[in-house]
Amino acid sequence: MKKIKMKKRVGVKKKEKTGKKKASDRGTEVPYPMVPSKKDKDRHMARFLDIFRKLEIIMPFGEALQ
């Protein structure tokens, strides 16, 4: 039977006695992607419309009414 090594949990660093945060607490990155620019949005919309224009759906009229 293998033994599994457990990592110790690292707690949140406390503020110094002066009340200032340490340098390691600053500058954390946001886990979300960047906001797309107007140029990117236009390019994506043009690609979507190009694909949508090529779309063909063939089905009987009776099924379409249902």
PDB file of N, CA and C in Angstrom:
ATOM      1  N   MET A   1       0.836  -1.167   0.000  1.00  0.00           N
ATOM      2  CA  MET A   1       0.000   0.000   0.000  1.00  0.00           C
ATOM      3  C   MET A   1       0.888   1.240   0.000  1.00  0.00           C
ATOM      4  N   LYS A   2       0.572   2.193  -0.887  1.00  0.00           N
ATOM      5  CA  LYS A   2       1.362   3.407  -0.983  1.00  0.00           C
ATOM      6  C   LYS A   2       0.884   4.436   0.030  1.00  0.00           C
ATOM      7  N   LYS A   3       1.817   5.197   0.538  1.00  0.00           N
ATOM      8  CA  LYS A   3       1.470   6.290   1.432  1.00  0.00           C
ATOM      9  C   LYS A   3       1.357   7.559   0.609  1.00  0.00           C
ATOM     10  N   ILE A   4       0.336   8.325   0.872  1.00  0.00           N
ATOM     11  CA  ILE A   4       0.128   9.574   0.164  1.00  0.00           C
ATOM     12  C   ILE A   4       0.638  10.707   1.031  1.00  0.00           C
ATOM     13  N   LYS A   5       1.503  11.521   0.445  1.00  0.00           N
ATOM     14  CA  LYS A   5       2.032  12.656   1.178  1.00  0.00           C
ATOM     15  C   LYS A   5       1.062  13.817   1.062  1.00  0.00           C
ATOM     16  N   MET A   6       0.773  14.430   2.161  1.00  0.00           N
ATOM     17  CA  MET A   6      -0.133  15.570   2.193  1.00  0.00           C
ATOM     18  C   MET A   6       0.681  16.854   2.274  1.00  0.00           C
ATOM     19  N   LYS A   7       0.280  17.852   1.493  1.00  0.00           N
ATOM     20  CA  LYS A   7       0.940  19.145   1.560  1.00  0.00           C
ATOM     21  C   LYS A   7       0.304  19.965   2.676  1.00  0.00           C
ATOM     22  N   LYS A   8       1.117  20.763   3.328  1.00  0.00           N
ATOM     23  CA  LYS A   8       0.602  21.620   4.382  1.00  0.00           C
ATOM     24  C   LYS A   8      -0.153  22.787   3.761  1.00  0.00           C
ATOM     25  N   ARG A   9      -1.237  23.167   4.399  1.00  0.00           N
ATOM     26  CA  ARG A   9      -1.993  24.329   3.938  1.00  0.00           C
ATOM     27  C   ARG A   9      -1.280  25.586   4.391  1.00  0.00           C
ATOM     28  N   VAL A  10      -1.134  26.495   3.475  1.00  0.00           N
ATOM     29  CA  VAL A  10      -0.484  27.757   3.793  1.00  0.00           C
ATOM     30  C   VAL A  10      -1.573  28.769   4.080  1.00  0.00           C
ATOM     31  N   GLY A  11      -1.531  29.371   5.246  1.00  0.00           N
ATOM     32  CA  GLY A  11      -2.547  30.345   5.642  1.00  0.00           C
ATOM     33  C   GLY A  11      -2.308  31.691   4.996  1.00  0.00           C
ATOM     34  N   VAL A  12      -3.288  32.539   5.103  1.00  0.00           N
ATOM     35  CA  VAL A  12      -3.188  33.891   4.574  1.00  0.00           C
ATOM     36  C   VAL A  12      -2.257  34.680   5.481  1.00  0.00           C
ATOM     37  N   LYS A  13      -1.364  35.437   4.860  1.00  0.00           N
ATOM     38  CA  LYS A  13      -0.426  36.227   5.651  1.00  0.00           C
ATOM     39  C   LYS A  13      -1.167  37.354   6.358  1.00  0.00           C
ATOM     40  N   LYS A  14      -0.815  37.567   7.591  1.00  0.00           N
ATOM     41  CA  LYS A  14      -1.451  38.619   8.365  1.00  0.00           C
ATOM     42  C   LYS A  14      -0.785  39.946   8.075  1.00  0.00           C
ATOM     43  N   LYS A  15      -1.524  41.022   8.356  1.00  0.00           N
ATOM     44  CA  LYS A  15      -0.975  42.353   8.170  1.00  0.00           C
ATOM     45  C   LYS A  15       0.093  42.611   9.225  1.00  0.00           C
ATOM     46  N   GLU A  16       1.015  43.459   8.878  1.00  0.00           N
ATOM     47  CA  GLU A  16       2.039  43.835   9.846  1.00  0.00           C
ATOM     48  C   GLU A  16       1.401  44.674  10.946  1.00  0.00           C
ATOM     49  N   LYS A  17       2.135  44.905  12.007  1.00  0.00           N
ATOM     50  CA  LYS A  17       1.607  45.662  13.136  1.00  0.00           C
ATOM     51  C   LYS A  17       1.244  47.086  12.742  1.00  0.00           C
ATOM     52  N   THR A  18       1.867  47.625  11.705  1.00  0.00           N
ATOM     53  CA  THR A  18       1.575  48.985  11.276  1.00  0.00           C
ATOM     54  C   THR A  18       0.283  49.053  10.475  1.00  0.00           C
ATOM     55  N   GLY A  19      -0.258  47.917  10.058  1.00  0.00           N
ATOM     56  CA  GLY A  19      -1.508  47.888   9.310  1.00  0.00           C
ATOM     57  C   GLY A  19      -1.305  47.887   7.809  1.00  0.00           C
ATOM     58  N   LYS A  20      -0.072  47.915   7.338  1.00  0.00           N
ATOM     59  CA  LYS A  20       0.194  47.905   5.902  1.00  0.00           C
ATOM     60  C   LYS A  20       0.293  46.464   5.422  1.00  0.00           C
ATOM     61  N   LYS A  21      -0.117  46.239   4.176  1.00  0.00           N
ATOM     62  CA  LYS A  21       0.001  44.907   3.592  1.00  0.00           C
ATOM     63  C   LYS A  21       1.422  44.692   3.100  1.00  0.00           C
ATOM     64  N   LYS A  22       1.825  43.465   3.098  1.00  0.00           N
ATOM     65  CA  LYS A  22       3.147  43.127   2.565  1.00  0.00           C
ATOM     66  C   LYS A  22       3.118  43.191   1.048  1.00  0.00           C
ATOM     67  N   ALA A  23       4.277  43.316   0.424  1.00  0.00           N
ATOM     68  CA  ALA A  23       4.378  43.446  -1.031  1.00  0.00           C
ATOM     69  C   ALA A  23       3.854  42.198  -1.746  1.00  0.00           C
ATOM     70  N   SER A  24       3.931  41.029  -1.116  1.00  0.00           N
ATOM     71  CA  SER A  24       3.491  39.797  -1.773  1.00  0.00           C
ATOM     72  C   SER A  24       1.974  39.733  -1.901  1.00  0.00           C
ATOM     73  N   ASP A  25       1.241  40.531  -1.111  1.00  0.00           N
ATOM     74  CA  ASP A  25      -0.212  40.522  -1.174  1.00  0.00           C
ATOM     75  C   ASP A  25      -0.743  41.387  -2.310  1.00  0.00           C
ATOM     76  N   ARG A  26       0.079  42.250  -2.851  1.00  0.00           N
ATOM     77  CA  ARG A  26      -0.354  43.170  -3.903  1.00  0.00           C
ATOM     78  C   ARG A  26      -0.166  42.551  -5.285  1.00  0.00           C
ATOM     79  N   GLY A  27      -0.937  43.080  -6.249  1.00  0.00           N
ATOM     80  CA  GLY A  27      -0.723  42.729  -7.649  1.00  0.00           C
ATOM     81  C   GLY A  27      -1.154  41.337  -8.050  1.00  0.00           C
ATOM     82  N   THR A  28      -2.189  40.781  -7.449  1.00  0.00           N
ATOM     83  CA  THR A  28      -2.651  39.472  -7.881  1.00  0.00           C
ATOM     84  C   THR A  28      -3.383  39.620  -9.201  1.00  0.00           C
ATOM     85  N   GLU A  29      -3.225  38.657 -10.083  1.00  0.00           N
ATOM     86  CA  GLU A  29      -3.839  38.709 -11.406  1.00  0.00           C
ATOM     87  C   GLU A  29      -5.283  38.228 -11.338  1.00  0.00           C
ATOM     88  N   VAL A  30      -6.118  38.818 -12.162  1.00  0.00           N
ATOM     89  CA  VAL A  30      -7.511  38.422 -12.242  1.00  0.00           C
ATOM     90  C   VAL A  30      -7.586  37.182 -13.129  1.00  0.00           C
ATOM     91  N   PRO A  31      -8.338  36.157 -12.722  1.00  0.00           N
ATOM     92  CA  PRO A  31      -8.381  34.914 -13.502  1.00  0.00           C
ATOM     93  C   PRO A  31      -9.278  34.971 -14.736  1.00  0.00           C
ATOM     94  N   TYR A  32      -9.756  36.155 -15.128  1.00  0.00           N
ATOM     95  CA  TYR A  32     -10.646  36.274 -16.270  1.00  0.00           C
ATOM     96  C   TYR A  32      -9.876  36.772 -17.488  1.00  0.00           C
ATOM     97  N   PRO A  33     -10.338  36.399 -18.703  1.00  0.00           N
ATOM     98  CA  PRO A  33      -9.651  36.882 -19.906  1.00  0.00           C
ATOM     99  C   PRO A  33      -9.892  38.379 -20.098  1.00  0.00           C
ATOM    100  N   MET A  34      -9.070  38.979 -20.917  1.00  0.00           N
ATOM    101  CA  MET A  34      -9.198  40.411 -21.181  1.00  0.00           C
ATOM    102  C   MET A  34     -10.438  40.681 -22.021  1.00  0.00           C
ATOM    103  N   VAL A  35     -10.961  41.886 -21.935  1.00  0.00           N
ATOM    104  CA  VAL A  35     -12.140  42.291 -22.699  1.00  0.00           C
ATOM    105  C   VAL A  35     -11.735  42.435 -24.159  1.00  0.00           C
ATOM    106  N   PRO A  36     -12.502  41.810 -25.082  1.00  0.00           N
ATOM    107  CA  PRO A  36     -12.139  41.928 -26.496  1.00  0.00           C
ATOM    108  C   PRO A  36     -12.340  43.355 -27.009  1.00  0.00           C
ATOM    109  N   SER A  37     -11.507  43.753 -27.931  1.00  0.00           N
ATOM    110  CA  SER A  37     -11.595  45.099 -28.494  1.00  0.00           C
ATOM    111  C   SER A  37     -12.719  45.156 -29.526  1.00  0.00           C
ATOM    112  N   LYS A  38     -13.050  46.356 -29.957  1.00  0.00           N
ATOM    113  CA  LYS A  38     -14.093  46.557 -30.975  1.00  0.00           C
ATOM    114  C   LYS A  38     -13.718  45.843 -32.270  1.00  0.00           C
ATOM    115  N   LYS A  39     -12.419  45.878 -32.619  1.00  0.00           N
ATOM    116  CA  LYS A  39     -11.935  45.230 -33.840  1.00  0.00           C
ATOM    117  C   LYS A  39     -12.142  43.716 -33.752  1.00  0.00           C
ATOM    118  N   ASP A  40     -11.846  43.126 -32.582  1.00  0.00           N
ATOM    119  CA  ASP A  40     -12.032  41.680 -32.400  1.00  0.00           C
ATOM    120  C   ASP A  40     -13.509  41.305 -32.487  1.00  0.00           C
ATOM    121  N   LYS A  41     -14.365  42.126 -31.866  1.00  0.00           N
ATOM    122  CA  LYS A  41     -15.808  41.853 -31.905  1.00  0.00           C
ATOM    123  C   LYS A  41     -16.331  41.883 -33.343  1.00  0.00           C
ATOM    124  N   ASP A  42     -15.888  42.883 -34.118  1.00  0.00           N
ATOM    125  CA  ASP A  42     -16.320  42.996 -35.506  1.00  0.00           C
ATOM    126  C   ASP A  42     -15.847  41.795 -36.326  1.00  0.00           C
ATOM    127  N   ARG A  43     -14.620  41.359 -36.092  1.00  0.00           N
ATOM    128  CA  ARG A  43     -14.069  40.212 -36.825  1.00  0.00           C
ATOM    129  C   ARG A  43     -14.852  38.938 -36.499  1.00  0.00           C
ATOM    130  N   HIS A  44     -15.185  38.740 -35.201  1.00  0.00           N
ATOM    131  CA  HIS A  44     -15.946  37.556 -34.788  1.00  0.00           C
ATOM    132  C   HIS A  44     -17.369  37.591 -35.365  1.00  0.00           C
ATOM    133  N   MET A  45     -17.977  38.782 -35.393  1.00  0.00           N
ATOM    134  CA  MET A  45     -19.326  38.911 -35.934  1.00  0.00           C
ATOM    135  C   MET A  45     -19.342  38.631 -37.430  1.00  0.00           C
ATOM    136  N   ALA A  46     -18.340  39.106 -38.148  1.00  0.00           N
ATOM    137  CA  ALA A  46     -18.258  38.856 -39.589  1.00  0.00           C
ATOM    138  C   ALA A  46     -18.088  37.359 -39.853  1.00  0.00           C
ATOM    139  N   ARG A  47     -17.281  36.696 -39.044  1.00  0.00           N
ATOM    140  CA  ARG A  47     -17.087  35.248 -39.212  1.00  0.00           C
ATOM    141  C   ARG A  47     -18.384  34.496 -38.922  1.00  0.00           C
ATOM    142  N   PHE A  48     -19.090  34.902 -37.858  1.00  0.00           N
ATOM    143  CA  PHE A  48     -20.361  34.271 -37.512  1.00  0.00           C
ATOM    144  C   PHE A  48     -21.373  34.426 -38.642  1.00  0.00           C
ATOM    145  N   LEU A  49     -21.489  35.642 -39.198  1.00  0.00           N
ATOM    146  CA  LEU A  49     -22.445  35.881 -40.282  1.00  0.00           C
ATOM    147  C   LEU A  49     -22.087  35.097 -41.536  1.00  0.00           C
ATOM    148  N   ASP A  50     -20.793  34.945 -41.796  1.00  0.00           N
ATOM    149  CA  ASP A  50     -20.353  34.164 -42.954  1.00  0.00           C
ATOM    150  C   ASP A  50     -20.772  32.704 -42.804  1.00  0.00           C
ATOM    151  N   ILE A  51     -20.592  32.153 -41.629  1.00  0.00           N
ATOM    152  CA  ILE A  51     -20.998  30.764 -41.369  1.00  0.00           C
ATOM    153  C   ILE A  51     -22.516  30.649 -41.427  1.00  0.00           C
ATOM    154  N   PHE A  52     -23.219  31.631 -40.867  1.00  0.00           N
ATOM    155  CA  PHE A  52     -24.685  31.602 -40.836  1.00  0.00           C
ATOM    156  C   PHE A  52     -25.276  31.681 -42.240  1.00  0.00           C
ATOM    157  N   ARG A  53     -24.652  32.441 -43.135  1.00  0.00           N
ATOM    158  CA  ARG A  53     -25.136  32.533 -44.522  1.00  0.00           C
ATOM    159  C   ARG A  53     -25.043  31.195 -45.250  1.00  0.00           C
ATOM    160  N   LYS A  54     -24.040  30.398 -44.921  1.00  0.00           N
ATOM    161  CA  LYS A  54     -23.832  29.108 -45.583  1.00  0.00           C
ATOM    162  C   LYS A  54     -24.726  28.002 -45.022  1.00  0.00           C
ATOM    163  N   LEU A  55     -25.420  28.277 -43.926  1.00  0.00           N
ATOM    164  CA  LEU A  55     -26.228  27.267 -43.256  1.00  0.00           C
ATOM    165  C   LEU A  55     -27.476  26.940 -44.076  1.00  0.00           C
ATOM    166  N   GLU A  56     -27.700  25.646 -44.302  1.00  0.00           N
ATOM    167  CA  GLU A  56     -28.901  25.193 -45.000  1.00  0.00           C
ATOM    168  C   GLU A  56     -29.579  24.135 -44.153  1.00  0.00           C
ATOM    169  N   ILE A  57     -30.875  24.300 -43.957  1.00  0.00           N
ATOM    170  CA  ILE A  57     -31.649  23.317 -43.198  1.00  0.00           C
ATOM    171  C   ILE A  57     -32.744  22.800 -44.129  1.00  0.00           C
ATOM    172  N   ILE A  58     -32.755  21.497 -44.335  1.00  0.00           N
ATOM    173  CA  ILE A  58     -33.753  20.878 -45.204  1.00  0.00           C
ATOM    174  C   ILE A  58     -34.628  19.992 -44.329  1.00  0.00           C
ATOM    175  N   MET A  59     -35.911  20.364 -44.236  1.00  0.00           N
ATOM    176  CA  MET A  59     -36.860  19.558 -43.466  1.00  0.00           C
ATOM    177  C   MET A  59     -38.252  19.722 -44.061  1.00  0.00           C
ATOM    178  N   PRO A  60     -39.099  18.738 -43.891  1.00  0.00           N
ATOM    179  CA  PRO A  60     -40.469  18.840 -44.422  1.00  0.00           C
ATOM    180  C   PRO A  60     -41.226  19.997 -43.761  1.00  0.00           C
ATOM    181  N   PHE A  61     -42.130  20.614 -44.531  1.00  0.00           N
ATOM    182  CA  PHE A  61     -42.892  21.762 -44.064  1.00  0.00           C
ATOM    183  C   PHE A  61     -43.738  21.404 -42.853  1.00  0.00           C
ATOM    184  N   GLY A  62     -44.288  20.198 -42.830  1.00  0.00           N
ATOM    185  CA  GLY A  62     -45.125  19.745 -41.701  1.00  0.00           C
ATOM    186  C   GLY A  62     -44.342  19.721 -40.376  1.00  0.00           C
ATOM    187  N   GLU A  63     -43.089  19.281 -40.418  1.00  0.00           N
ATOM    188  CA  GLU A  63     -42.262  19.268 -39.205  1.00  0.00           C
ATOM    189  C   GLU A  63     -41.937  20.680 -38.758  1.00  0.00           C
ATOM    190  N   ALA A  64     -41.749  21.574 -39.699  1.00  0.00           N
ATOM    191  CA  ALA A  64     -41.454  22.965 -39.359  1.00  0.00           C
ATOM    192  C   ALA A  64     -42.628  23.620 -38.651  1.00  0.00           C
ATOM    193  N   LEU A  65     -43.856  23.255 -39.034  1.00  0.00           N
ATOM    194  CA  LEU A  65     -45.044  23.814 -38.394  1.00  0.00           C
ATOM    195  C   LEU A  65     -45.228  23.288 -36.981  1.00  0.00           C
ATOM    196  N   GLN A  66     -44.804  22.072 -36.722  1.00  0.00           N
ATOM    197  CA  GLN A  66     -44.958  21.494 -35.386  1.00  0.00           C
ATOM    198  C   GLN A  66     -44.069  22.203 -34.430  1.00  0.00           C
TER     199      GLN A  66
END
